[in-house]
Protein backbone atom coordinates (compact mmCIF):
# COMPACT_ATOMS: atom_id res chain seq x y z
CA MET A 1 -0.49 -4.08 -8.31
CA ILE A 2 0.66 -1.56 -10.88
CA PRO A 3 0.09 2.18 -10.39
CA SER A 4 -2.30 2.49 -13.35
CA GLU A 5 -4.58 -0.10 -11.74
CA ILE A 6 -4.41 1.73 -8.43
CA ARG A 7 -5.31 5.05 -10.05
CA ASN A 8 -8.48 3.47 -11.46
CA LEU A 9 -9.69 2.63 -7.94
CA SER A 10 -11.72 4.96 -5.76
CA THR A 11 -10.10 6.60 -2.75
CA ASP A 12 -12.06 4.39 -0.35
CA GLU A 13 -10.92 1.25 -2.17
CA ILE A 14 -7.31 2.39 -2.02
CA GLN A 15 -7.63 3.10 1.71
CA ALA A 16 -9.07 -0.39 2.26
CA LYS A 17 -6.26 -2.02 0.28
CA LEU A 18 -3.70 0.09 2.16
CA ASN A 19 -5.08 -1.09 5.50
CA ASP A 20 -5.03 -4.71 4.31
CA ALA A 21 -1.44 -4.37 3.11
CA ARG A 22 -0.37 -2.87 6.44
CA GLU A 23 -1.97 -5.78 8.30
CA GLU A 24 -0.25 -8.25 5.98
CA LEU A 25 3.11 -6.55 6.57
CA MET A 26 2.60 -6.74 10.33
CA ASN A 27 1.82 -10.47 10.07
CA LEU A 28 4.84 -11.08 7.83
CA ARG A 29 7.12 -9.28 10.28
CA PHE A 30 5.72 -11.38 13.11
CA GLN A 31 6.30 -14.57 11.12
CA MET A 32 9.85 -13.45 10.35
CA ALA A 33 10.55 -12.82 14.03
CA MET A 34 9.24 -16.25 14.93
CA GLY A 35 11.32 -17.90 12.22
CA GLY A 36 8.39 -19.17 10.19
CA LEU A 37 8.76 -16.96 7.13
CA THR A 38 10.40 -18.63 4.14
CA ASP A 39 9.53 -16.18 1.34
CA TYR A 40 11.22 -12.90 2.23
CA THR A 41 10.32 -11.33 -1.11
CA ARG A 42 6.75 -10.96 0.15
CA LEU A 43 8.01 -8.40 2.67
CA ARG A 44 9.54 -6.27 -0.06
CA PHE A 45 6.53 -6.68 -2.34
CA THR A 46 4.12 -5.67 0.45
CA ARG A 47 6.22 -2.63 1.45
CA ARG A 48 6.33 -1.48 -2.16
CA ASN A 49 2.58 -1.90 -2.56
CA ILE A 50 2.05 0.23 0.55
CA ALA A 51 4.28 2.90 -0.97
CA ARG A 52 2.33 2.75 -4.24
CA PHE A 53 -1.00 3.15 -2.45
CA MET A 54 0.30 6.08 -0.42
CA THR A 55 1.79 7.74 -3.51
CA VAL A 56 -1.52 7.67 -5.36
CA LEU A 57 -3.37 8.98 -2.30
CA ASN A 58 -0.84 11.82 -1.93
CA GLU A 59 -1.15 12.65 -5.64
CA ARG A 60 -4.90 12.96 -5.22
CA GLU A 61 -4.51 15.20 -2.18
CA MET A 62 -2.06 17.44 -4.04
CA SER A 63 -4.30 17.73 -7.10
CA ALA A 64 -7.33 18.46 -4.90
CA GLY A 65 -5.36 21.20 -3.15
CA LYS A 66 -4.34 22.81 -6.43
CA GLU A 67 -7.91 22.76 -7.74
CA SER A 68 -9.22 24.59 -4.67
CA GLU A 69 -6.71 27.44 -5.06
């Protein structure tokens, strides 16, 4: 998911997608430990999506903090 698409989502939707991505990452790590994971690029893709979601959420928190000052 590209950042411009993420920015168009509401904060609740981003939080839901972040939670889903974290669950997916946990499952992928479990599969990797058990030896059943064949597509290791999914790990990197999921980690980067988590970072994108968190970046947009942090941007919103920072802008909300500046508006209140």
